[in-house]
C-alpha atoms as a PDB file:
ATOM      1  CA  MET A   1       1.265  60.239  18.011  1.00  0.00           C
ATOM      2  CA  ALA A   2       4.864  60.254  17.559  1.00  0.00           C
ATOM      3  CA  PRO A   3       6.699  56.970  17.867  1.00  0.00           C
ATOM      4  CA  ILE A   4       8.643  56.576  21.165  1.00  0.00           C
ATOM      5  CA  ASP A   5      12.123  56.707  19.612  1.00  0.00           C
ATOM      6  CA  SER A   6      11.621  60.176  18.402  1.00  0.00           C
ATOM      7  CA  VAL A   7      10.190  61.398  21.915  1.00  0.00           C
ATOM      8  CA  ILE A   8      12.967  60.082  23.794  1.00  0.00           C
ATOM      9  CA  THR A   9      16.271  61.325  22.468  1.00  0.00           C
ATOM     10  CA  LYS A  10      19.617  60.604  23.981  1.00  0.00           C
ATOM     11  CA  LYS A  11      22.538  62.772  23.554  1.00  0.00           C
ATOM     12  CA  THR A  12      25.802  61.452  24.000  1.00  0.00           C
ATOM     13  CA  LEU A  13      29.091  63.218  24.246  1.00  0.00           C
ATOM     14  CA  PRO A  14      32.437  61.934  22.825  1.00  0.00           C
ATOM     15  CA  ILE A  15      35.045  60.949  25.338  1.00  0.00           C
ATOM     16  CA  THR A  16      37.305  63.702  24.445  1.00  0.00           C
ATOM     17  CA  GLU A  17      34.775  66.476  25.324  1.00  0.00           C
ATOM     18  CA  THR A  18      34.612  67.815  28.975  1.00  0.00           C
ATOM     19  CA  ILE A  19      31.698  69.173  30.624  1.00  0.00           C
ATOM     20  CA  VAL A  20      32.341  72.509  32.306  1.00  0.00           C
ATOM     21  CA  PRO A  21      29.908  73.725  35.004  1.00  0.00           C
ATOM     22  CA  ASP A  22      27.966  76.858  34.094  1.00  0.00           C
ATOM     23  CA  GLU A  23      28.792  78.541  37.470  1.00  0.00           C
ATOM     24  CA  ASP A  24      32.243  79.583  38.668  1.00  0.00           C
ATOM     25  CA  ILE A  25      32.783  77.924  41.962  1.00  0.00           C
ATOM     26  CA  GLY A  26      35.611  80.360  42.962  1.00  0.00           C
ATOM     27  CA  SER A  27      37.663  79.798  46.053  1.00  0.00           C
ATOM     28  CA  ILE A  28      36.030  77.887  48.935  1.00  0.00           C
ATOM     29  CA  GLN A  29      36.778  79.077  52.515  1.00  0.00           C
ATOM     30  CA  PHE A  30      36.277  76.213  55.022  1.00  0.00           C
ATOM     31  CA  LEU A  31      36.698  78.179  58.196  1.00  0.00           C
ATOM     32  CA  SER A  32      35.810  81.815  59.042  1.00  0.00           C
ATOM     33  CA  ASN A  33      38.440  83.971  60.584  1.00  0.00           C
ATOM     34  CA  LYS A  34      36.423  83.835  63.956  1.00  0.00           C
ATOM     35  CA  GLU A  35      36.743  79.958  63.791  1.00  0.00           C
ATOM     36  CA  VAL A  36      40.503  80.125  63.061  1.00  0.00           C
ATOM     37  CA  LEU A  37      41.073  82.600  65.787  1.00  0.00           C
ATOM     38  CA  LEU A  38      39.164  80.470  68.305  1.00  0.00           C
ATOM     39  CA  GLY A  39      41.058  77.401  67.166  1.00  0.00           C
ATOM     40  CA  LEU A  40      44.322  78.999  67.619  1.00  0.00           C
ATOM     41  CA  ILE A  41      43.452  80.261  71.056  1.00  0.00           C
ATOM     42  CA  ILE A  42      42.226  76.839  72.024  1.00  0.00           C
ATOM     43  CA  LEU A  43      45.567  75.257  70.786  1.00  0.00           C
ATOM     44  CA  THR A  44      47.651  77.883  72.528  1.00  0.00           C
ATOM     45  CA  THR A  45      45.788  77.330  75.750  1.00  0.00           C
ATOM     46  CA  LEU A  46      46.270  73.504  75.273  1.00  0.00           C
ATOM     47  CA  ILE A  47      49.980  73.941  74.995  1.00  0.00           C
ATOM     48  CA  ILE A  48      50.122  76.130  78.119  1.00  0.00           C
ATOM     49  CA  VAL A  49      47.984  73.743  80.173  1.00  0.00           C
ATOM     50  CA  LEU A  50      50.110  70.779  78.999  1.00  0.00           C
ATOM     51  CA  ILE A  51      53.207  72.448  80.024  1.00  0.00           C
ATOM     52  CA  ILE A  52      51.641  73.099  83.485  1.00  0.00           C
ATOM     53  CA  ASN A  53      50.632  69.500  83.784  1.00  0.00           C
ATOM     54  CA  VAL A  54      54.137  68.345  82.827  1.00  0.00           C
ATOM     55  CA  ILE A  55      55.559  70.642  85.614  1.00  0.00           C
ATOM     56  CA  VAL A  56      53.209  69.523  88.294  1.00  0.00           C
ATOM     57  CA  VAL A  57      53.685  65.821  87.421  1.00  0.00           C
ATOM     58  CA  LYS A  58      57.611  66.329  87.792  1.00  0.00           C
ATOM     59  CA  LYS A  59      57.255  68.342  90.862  1.00  0.00           C
ATOM     60  CA  MET A  60      54.867  65.996  92.773  1.00  0.00           C
ATOM     61  CA  ASN A  61      56.428  62.739  91.552  1.00  0.00           C
ATOM     62  CA  ILE A  62      53.093  61.387  90.325  1.00  0.00           C
ATOM     63  CA  ASN A  63      53.324  57.734  89.030  1.00  0.00           C
ATOM     64  CA  ALA A  64      53.191  56.907  85.309  1.00  0.00           C
ATOM     65  CA  ASP A  65      49.647  55.763  85.244  1.00  0.00           C
ATOM     66  CA  SER A  66      48.200  58.865  86.873  1.00  0.00           C
ATOM     67  CA  SER A  67      50.373  61.233  84.725  1.00  0.00           C
ATOM     68  CA  VAL A  68      49.218  59.591  81.559  1.00  0.00           C
ATOM     69  CA  LYS A  69      45.459  59.832  82.672  1.00  0.00           C
ATOM     70  CA  LEU A  70      46.068  63.576  83.506  1.00  0.00           C
ATOM     71  CA  LEU A  71      47.719  64.391  80.104  1.00  0.00           C
ATOM     72  CA  LEU A  72      45.212  62.390  77.877  1.00  0.00           C
ATOM     73  CA  THR A  73      42.249  63.828  79.751  1.00  0.00           C
ATOM     74  CA  THR A  74      43.528  67.255  79.010  1.00  0.00           C
ATOM     75  CA  ILE A  75      44.109  66.403  75.291  1.00  0.00           C
ATOM     76  CA  VAL A  76      40.722  64.842  74.948  1.00  0.00           C
ATOM     77  CA  ILE A  77      38.881  67.804  76.546  1.00  0.00           C
ATOM     78  CA  PHE A  78      40.759  70.300  74.440  1.00  0.00           C
ATOM     79  CA  SER A  79      40.208  68.117  71.183  1.00  0.00           C
ATOM     80  CA  GLY A  80      36.408  68.332  71.920  1.00  0.00           C
ATOM     81  CA  LEU A  81      36.659  72.153  72.470  1.00  0.00           C
ATOM     82  CA  PHE A  82      38.609  72.559  69.281  1.00  0.00           C
ATOM     83  CA  LEU A  83      36.284  70.657  67.198  1.00  0.00           C
ATOM     84  CA  VAL A  84      33.177  72.632  68.527  1.00  0.00           C
ATOM     85  CA  ALA A  85      35.091  75.950  67.921  1.00  0.00           C
ATOM     86  CA  ALA A  86      36.168  74.994  64.437  1.00  0.00           C
ATOM     87  CA  GLY A  87      32.446  75.029  63.497  1.00  0.00           C
ATOM     88  CA  TYR A  88      31.771  71.387  62.702  1.00  0.00           C
ATOM     89  CA  ASP A  89      28.146  70.527  63.167  1.00  0.00           C
ATOM     90  CA  ASP A  90      26.732  67.919  65.576  1.00  0.00           C
ATOM     91  CA  ARG A  91      26.386  65.127  62.913  1.00  0.00           C
ATOM     92  CA  THR A  92      30.049  65.461  62.025  1.00  0.00           C
ATOM     93  CA  ILE A  93      31.500  65.493  65.599  1.00  0.00           C
ATOM     94  CA  ALA A  94      29.233  62.996  67.181  1.00  0.00           C
ATOM     95  CA  PRO A  95      31.319  59.899  66.090  1.00  0.00           C
ATOM     96  CA  VAL A  96      34.585  61.613  67.169  1.00  0.00           C
ATOM     97  CA  PHE A  97      33.111  62.413  70.659  1.00  0.00           C
ATOM     98  CA  GLY A  98      32.167  58.792  70.901  1.00  0.00           C
ATOM     99  CA  LEU A  99      35.819  57.814  69.948  1.00  0.00           C
ATOM    100  CA  LEU A 100      37.150  60.394  72.519  1.00  0.00           C
ATOM    101  CA  GLY A 101      34.888  59.103  75.256  1.00  0.00           C
ATOM    102  CA  ALA A 102      35.769  55.413  74.440  1.00  0.00           C
ATOM    103  CA  THR A 103      39.405  56.505  74.805  1.00  0.00           C
ATOM    104  CA  LEU A 104      38.911  58.066  78.162  1.00  0.00           C
ATOM    105  CA  GLY A 105      36.817  55.145  79.231  1.00  0.00           C
ATOM    106  CA  TYR A 106      39.726  52.800  78.352  1.00  0.00           C
ATOM    107  CA  ILE A 107      42.176  54.775  80.161  1.00  0.00           C
ATOM    108  CA  PHE A 108      40.220  55.155  83.336  1.00  0.00           C
ATOM    109  CA  GLY A 109      38.842  51.664  83.120  1.00  0.00           C
ATOM    110  CA  LYS A 110      42.062  49.735  83.179  1.00  0.00           C
ATOM    111  CA  SER A 111      44.066  49.378  86.347  1.00  0.00           C
ATOM    112  CA  GLU A 112      47.400  48.183  87.602  1.00  0.00           C
ATOM    113  CA  THR A 113      46.007  45.323  89.576  1.00  0.00           C
ATOM    114  CA  ASN A 114      43.218  42.900  88.589  1.00  0.00           C
ATOM    115  CA  LYS A 115      40.635  43.262  91.365  1.00  0.00           C
ATOM    116  CA  PRO A 116      37.775  40.771  91.429  1.00  0.00           C
ATOM    117  CA  ALA A 117      34.363  42.446  90.675  1.00  0.00           C
END
């Protein structure tokens, strides 16, 4: 049997050498053309809906609290649609949906007057 030192050999590289991967990584495309197109359609629709919301709020003289609720609800819904259309998986967007839900819960949970429970 050979001594253990000769069986286990350790190869160390000097600090000046760099290790280059064997495979060429190439360019990485994060989103497909379909996902980019869906994202642009959703963002364009969001802008149109926000403009309509602002016009409705001005014409109907809606108070500030209700108008903020309307605009933020629209933004949160379209944010969720955008994330799904962009191709993120459920493990990635689950915390974001939790945050968006918490934002809506805070917005709809607060009120102008403190009503006893």
